[in-house]
Amino acid sequence: MSRVRGKSLFSLSTLLASFFGAAMIAGAFAYFNYKFSEYKFIDFKEFVFYEKSDVFLPEEEKYIVVFYSSKDPNTMDLLSQTKLKLPILAIDYYNEVRQNSEGTTFLRSGTKTSLSFIQRFNIYESPSIFFIKKSQEQIYKQDSMIRKLDNLQELSKNVDLL
């Protein structure tokens, strides 16, 4: 009488394939999270922003960058009235011209610069906020994670928590 060996439903090759598949997915996920969490640089020679019609040249050591939409009601007024310890660079998605206020510099740029800025910093929501600090003459390094700013009225109260 001969014995017939049956194939098990759970073979070693299936186990190894599942393990390597899961390892590849975990590796891709870890790489994705790493790429989106690393801090980036902004070179103001490369990214040209304008205050009205003048080219913006940074002078301070640190800034708060707020990327916002001027189509949201009262956003520009709220930003112009906000006074913080650090100056605000308010970058409008729609590039509306606005008079600077004491603590806020309103910036605009060409479409290519706007899209490159959004892509460089992986900005998906408006308004978003992050800090930058001077690294070299006109090169600034991102100094915080990019966060969605849920309420502009709370900016002055919560900016120290970021």
C-alpha atoms as a PDB file:
ATOM      1  CA  MET A   1       0.000   0.000   0.000  1.00  0.00           C
ATOM      2  CA  SER A   2       1.451   3.291  -0.933  1.00  0.00           C
ATOM      3  CA  ARG A   3       0.889   6.452   0.959  1.00  0.00           C
ATOM      4  CA  VAL A   4      -0.141   9.522  -0.923  1.00  0.00           C
ATOM      5  CA  ARG A   5       1.150  12.686   0.562  1.00  0.00           C
ATOM      6  CA  GLY A   6      -1.400  15.455   0.448  1.00  0.00           C
ATOM      7  CA  LYS A   7      -0.395  19.034  -0.166  1.00  0.00           C
ATOM      8  CA  SER A   8      -1.161  21.258   2.705  1.00  0.00           C
ATOM      9  CA  LEU A   9      -2.964  24.474   2.031  1.00  0.00           C
ATOM     10  CA  PHE A  10      -0.331  26.371   3.928  1.00  0.00           C
ATOM     11  CA  SER A  11       3.003  25.589   2.315  1.00  0.00           C
ATOM     12  CA  LEU A  12       6.383  27.030   3.140  1.00  0.00           C
ATOM     13  CA  SER A  13       6.551  28.954  -0.146  1.00  0.00           C
ATOM     14  CA  THR A  14       3.210  30.617   0.592  1.00  0.00           C
ATOM     15  CA  LEU A  15       4.472  31.588   4.022  1.00  0.00           C
ATOM     16  CA  LEU A  16       7.698  33.076   2.632  1.00  0.00           C
ATOM     17  CA  ALA A  17       5.890  34.951  -0.134  1.00  0.00           C
ATOM     18  CA  SER A  18       3.495  36.457   2.409  1.00  0.00           C
ATOM     19  CA  PHE A  19       6.361  37.437   4.678  1.00  0.00           C
ATOM     20  CA  PHE A  20       8.339  39.140   1.905  1.00  0.00           C
ATOM     21  CA  GLY A  21       5.208  40.852   0.573  1.00  0.00           C
ATOM     22  CA  ALA A  22       4.430  42.249   4.015  1.00  0.00           C
ATOM     23  CA  ALA A  23       8.063  43.325   4.470  1.00  0.00           C
ATOM     24  CA  MET A  24       8.018  45.194   1.148  1.00  0.00           C
ATOM     25  CA  ILE A  25       4.779  46.977   2.047  1.00  0.00           C
ATOM     26  CA  ALA A  26       6.147  47.926   5.485  1.00  0.00           C
ATOM     27  CA  GLY A  27       9.368  49.191   3.890  1.00  0.00           C
ATOM     28  CA  ALA A  28       7.479  51.321   1.374  1.00  0.00           C
ATOM     29  CA  PHE A  29       5.289  52.739   4.155  1.00  0.00           C
ATOM     30  CA  ALA A  30       8.329  53.585   6.305  1.00  0.00           C
ATOM     31  CA  TYR A  31      10.075  55.268   3.373  1.00  0.00           C
ATOM     32  CA  PHE A  32       6.932  57.264   2.528  1.00  0.00           C
ATOM     33  CA  ASN A  33       6.649  58.476   6.144  1.00  0.00           C
ATOM     34  CA  TYR A  34      10.352  59.343   6.245  1.00  0.00           C
ATOM     35  CA  LYS A  35      10.216  61.385   3.023  1.00  0.00           C
ATOM     36  CA  PHE A  36       7.185  63.333   4.201  1.00  0.00           C
ATOM     37  CA  SER A  37       8.515  64.006   7.682  1.00  0.00           C
ATOM     38  CA  GLU A  38      12.004  65.245   6.845  1.00  0.00           C
ATOM     39  CA  TYR A  39      12.465  68.970   7.052  1.00  0.00           C
ATOM     40  CA  LYS A  40      13.080  70.889   3.866  1.00  0.00           C
ATOM     41  CA  PHE A  41      14.981  74.027   2.887  1.00  0.00           C
ATOM     42  CA  ILE A  42      13.705  77.101   1.100  1.00  0.00           C
ATOM     43  CA  ASP A  43      16.127  79.220  -0.877  1.00  0.00           C
ATOM     44  CA  PHE A  44      14.615  82.654  -1.427  1.00  0.00           C
ATOM     45  CA  LYS A  45      16.860  83.083  -4.479  1.00  0.00           C
ATOM     46  CA  GLU A  46      15.181  80.044  -6.039  1.00  0.00           C
ATOM     47  CA  PHE A  47      11.667  80.675  -4.700  1.00  0.00           C
ATOM     48  CA  VAL A  48      10.954  84.280  -5.645  1.00  0.00           C
ATOM     49  CA  PHE A  49       8.096  85.857  -3.689  1.00  0.00           C
ATOM     50  CA  TYR A  50       6.814  89.399  -4.008  1.00  0.00           C
ATOM     51  CA  GLU A  51       5.558  92.015  -1.557  1.00  0.00           C
ATOM     52  CA  LYS A  52       3.232  93.944  -3.839  1.00  0.00           C
ATOM     53  CA  SER A  53       5.657  94.418  -6.771  1.00  0.00           C
ATOM     54  CA  ASP A  54       8.972  94.226  -4.866  1.00  0.00           C
ATOM     55  CA  VAL A  55      10.974  91.026  -4.515  1.00  0.00           C
ATOM     56  CA  PHE A  56      10.865  89.734  -0.922  1.00  0.00           C
ATOM     57  CA  LEU A  57      14.268  89.409   0.741  1.00  0.00           C
ATOM     58  CA  PRO A  58      14.173  87.816   4.206  1.00  0.00           C
ATOM     59  CA  GLU A  59      15.932  89.702   6.988  1.00  0.00           C
ATOM     60  CA  GLU A  60      14.812  87.993  10.215  1.00  0.00           C
ATOM     61  CA  GLU A  61      16.336  84.881  11.789  1.00  0.00           C
ATOM     62  CA  LYS A  62      12.985  83.076  12.116  1.00  0.00           C
ATOM     63  CA  TYR A  63       9.567  83.309  10.526  1.00  0.00           C
ATOM     64  CA  ILE A  64       6.174  81.712  10.869  1.00  0.00           C
ATOM     65  CA  VAL A  65       4.963  80.679   7.424  1.00  0.00           C
ATOM     66  CA  VAL A  66       1.206  80.588   6.917  1.00  0.00           C
ATOM     67  CA  PHE A  67      -0.008  79.214   3.602  1.00  0.00           C
ATOM     68  CA  TYR A  68      -3.621  80.312   3.198  1.00  0.00           C
ATOM     69  CA  SER A  69      -6.408  81.045   0.735  1.00  0.00           C
ATOM     70  CA  SER A  70      -7.597  84.619   0.329  1.00  0.00           C
ATOM     71  CA  LYS A  71     -10.937  83.166  -0.837  1.00  0.00           C
ATOM     72  CA  ASP A  72     -11.717  82.145   2.759  1.00  0.00           C
ATOM     73  CA  PRO A  73     -13.728  84.965   4.362  1.00  0.00           C
ATOM     74  CA  ASN A  74     -11.787  87.378   6.585  1.00  0.00           C
ATOM     75  CA  THR A  75      -8.538  85.401   6.346  1.00  0.00           C
ATOM     76  CA  MET A  76      -6.407  88.302   5.170  1.00  0.00           C
ATOM     77  CA  ASP A  77      -7.854  90.629   7.809  1.00  0.00           C
ATOM     78  CA  LEU A  78      -7.241  88.094  10.577  1.00  0.00           C
ATOM     79  CA  LEU A  79      -3.646  87.585   9.448  1.00  0.00           C
ATOM     80  CA  SER A  80      -2.987  91.322   9.260  1.00  0.00           C
ATOM     81  CA  GLN A  81      -4.321  91.815  12.810  1.00  0.00           C
ATOM     82  CA  THR A  82      -2.339  88.943  14.339  1.00  0.00           C
ATOM     83  CA  LYS A  83       0.666  90.045  16.357  1.00  0.00           C
ATOM     84  CA  LEU A  84       3.173  87.442  17.483  1.00  0.00           C
ATOM     85  CA  LYS A  85       6.766  87.381  18.736  1.00  0.00           C
ATOM     86  CA  LEU A  86       7.913  86.064  15.348  1.00  0.00           C
ATOM     87  CA  PRO A  87       7.055  87.738  12.040  1.00  0.00           C
ATOM     88  CA  ILE A  88       4.518  86.009   9.802  1.00  0.00           C
ATOM     89  CA  LEU A  89       5.062  85.299   6.132  1.00  0.00           C
ATOM     90  CA  ALA A  90       1.551  84.906   4.724  1.00  0.00           C
ATOM     91  CA  ILE A  91       1.616  83.156   1.354  1.00  0.00           C
ATOM     92  CA  ASP A  92      -1.667  83.288  -0.524  1.00  0.00           C
ATOM     93  CA  TYR A  93      -2.697  80.413  -2.753  1.00  0.00           C
ATOM     94  CA  TYR A  94      -4.553  82.879  -5.018  1.00  0.00           C
ATOM     95  CA  ASN A  95      -1.792  85.535  -5.021  1.00  0.00           C
ATOM     96  CA  GLU A  96      -3.946  88.488  -3.973  1.00  0.00           C
ATOM     97  CA  VAL A  97      -2.044  91.728  -3.348  1.00  0.00           C
ATOM     98  CA  ARG A  98      -2.367  92.948   0.230  1.00  0.00           C
ATOM     99  CA  GLN A  99      -0.760  95.746   2.252  1.00  0.00           C
ATOM    100  CA  ASN A 100       1.684  94.401   4.858  1.00  0.00           C
ATOM    101  CA  SER A 101       0.857  94.958   8.498  1.00  0.00           C
ATOM    102  CA  GLU A 102       3.145  95.373  11.489  1.00  0.00           C
ATOM    103  CA  GLY A 103       3.705  91.662  12.094  1.00  0.00           C
ATOM    104  CA  THR A 104       2.616  90.094   8.793  1.00  0.00           C
ATOM    105  CA  THR A 105       4.239  90.204   5.379  1.00  0.00           C
ATOM    106  CA  PHE A 106       1.850  89.181   2.601  1.00  0.00           C
ATOM    107  CA  LEU A 107       3.626  87.372  -0.204  1.00  0.00           C
ATOM    108  CA  ARG A 108       2.607  86.318  -3.657  1.00  0.00           C
ATOM    109  CA  SER A 109       4.408  84.565  -6.482  1.00  0.00           C
ATOM    110  CA  GLY A 110       4.072  83.167  -9.962  1.00  0.00           C
ATOM    111  CA  THR A 111       2.206  79.940 -10.582  1.00  0.00           C
ATOM    112  CA  LYS A 112       5.382  77.905 -11.027  1.00  0.00           C
ATOM    113  CA  THR A 113       6.802  79.127  -7.714  1.00  0.00           C
ATOM    114  CA  SER A 114       3.496  78.510  -5.903  1.00  0.00           C
ATOM    115  CA  LEU A 115       3.225  74.970  -7.220  1.00  0.00           C
ATOM    116  CA  SER A 116       6.889  74.234  -6.467  1.00  0.00           C
ATOM    117  CA  PHE A 117       6.434  75.577  -2.922  1.00  0.00           C
ATOM    118  CA  ILE A 118       3.325  73.431  -2.364  1.00  0.00           C
ATOM    119  CA  GLN A 119       5.120  70.377  -3.692  1.00  0.00           C
ATOM    120  CA  ARG A 120       8.364  70.997  -1.779  1.00  0.00           C
ATOM    121  CA  PHE A 121       6.581  71.283   1.552  1.00  0.00           C
ATOM    122  CA  ASN A 122       3.786  68.789   0.809  1.00  0.00           C
ATOM    123  CA  ILE A 123       1.030  71.245   1.658  1.00  0.00           C
ATOM    124  CA  TYR A 124      -2.405  69.708   1.236  1.00  0.00           C
ATOM    125  CA  GLU A 125      -4.641  71.875   3.399  1.00  0.00           C
ATOM    126  CA  SER A 126      -5.279  75.560   3.857  1.00  0.00           C
ATOM    127  CA  PRO A 127      -4.443  77.307   6.069  1.00  0.00           C
ATOM    128  CA  SER A 128      -1.245  75.470   6.980  1.00  0.00           C
ATOM    129  CA  ILE A 129       1.485  76.708   9.272  1.00  0.00           C
ATOM    130  CA  PHE A 130       5.135  75.938   9.951  1.00  0.00           C
ATOM    131  CA  PHE A 131       8.277  77.662  11.199  1.00  0.00           C
ATOM    132  CA  ILE A 132      11.471  78.380   9.279  1.00  0.00           C
ATOM    133  CA  LYS A 133      14.843  79.566  10.560  1.00  0.00           C
ATOM    134  CA  LYS A 134      17.840  81.019   8.797  1.00  0.00           C
ATOM    135  CA  SER A 135      20.469  78.535   7.713  1.00  0.00           C
ATOM    136  CA  GLN A 136      22.541  80.694   5.350  1.00  0.00           C
ATOM    137  CA  GLU A 137      22.153  84.114   3.749  1.00  0.00           C
ATOM    138  CA  GLN A 138      18.818  83.542   1.962  1.00  0.00           C
ATOM    139  CA  ILE A 139      18.391  79.857   2.745  1.00  0.00           C
ATOM    140  CA  TYR A 140      15.965  78.924   5.493  1.00  0.00           C
ATOM    141  CA  LYS A 141      15.319  75.505   6.999  1.00  0.00           C
ATOM    142  CA  GLN A 142      11.903  74.232   7.973  1.00  0.00           C
ATOM    143  CA  ASP A 143      11.919  74.218  11.775  1.00  0.00           C
ATOM    144  CA  SER A 144       8.653  72.426  12.569  1.00  0.00           C
ATOM    145  CA  MET A 145       6.158  70.011  11.160  1.00  0.00           C
ATOM    146  CA  ILE A 146       3.557  71.470   8.824  1.00  0.00           C
ATOM    147  CA  ARG A 147       0.212  71.590  10.557  1.00  0.00           C
ATOM    148  CA  LYS A 148      -3.283  72.497   9.506  1.00  0.00           C
ATOM    149  CA  LEU A 149      -4.354  75.675  11.207  1.00  0.00           C
ATOM    150  CA  ASP A 150      -7.938  74.994  12.213  1.00  0.00           C
ATOM    151  CA  ASN A 151      -8.811  78.487  13.361  1.00  0.00           C
ATOM    152  CA  LEU A 152      -6.910  81.634  12.454  1.00  0.00           C
ATOM    153  CA  GLN A 153      -8.446  83.454  15.416  1.00  0.00           C
ATOM    154  CA  GLU A 154      -6.628  81.024  17.714  1.00  0.00           C
ATOM    155  CA  LEU A 155      -3.233  81.533  16.037  1.00  0.00           C
ATOM    156  CA  SER A 156      -1.891  83.931  18.655  1.00  0.00           C
ATOM    157  CA  LYS A 157      -2.973  81.621  21.485  1.00  0.00           C
ATOM    158  CA  ASN A 158      -1.682  78.332  20.029  1.00  0.00           C
ATOM    159  CA  VAL A 159       1.480  79.292  18.162  1.00  0.00           C
ATOM    160  CA  ASP A 160       3.658  78.537  21.182  1.00  0.00           C
ATOM    161  CA  LEU A 161       2.295  74.994  21.247  1.00  0.00           C
ATOM    162  CA  LEU A 162       3.504  74.164  17.712  1.00  0.00           C
END
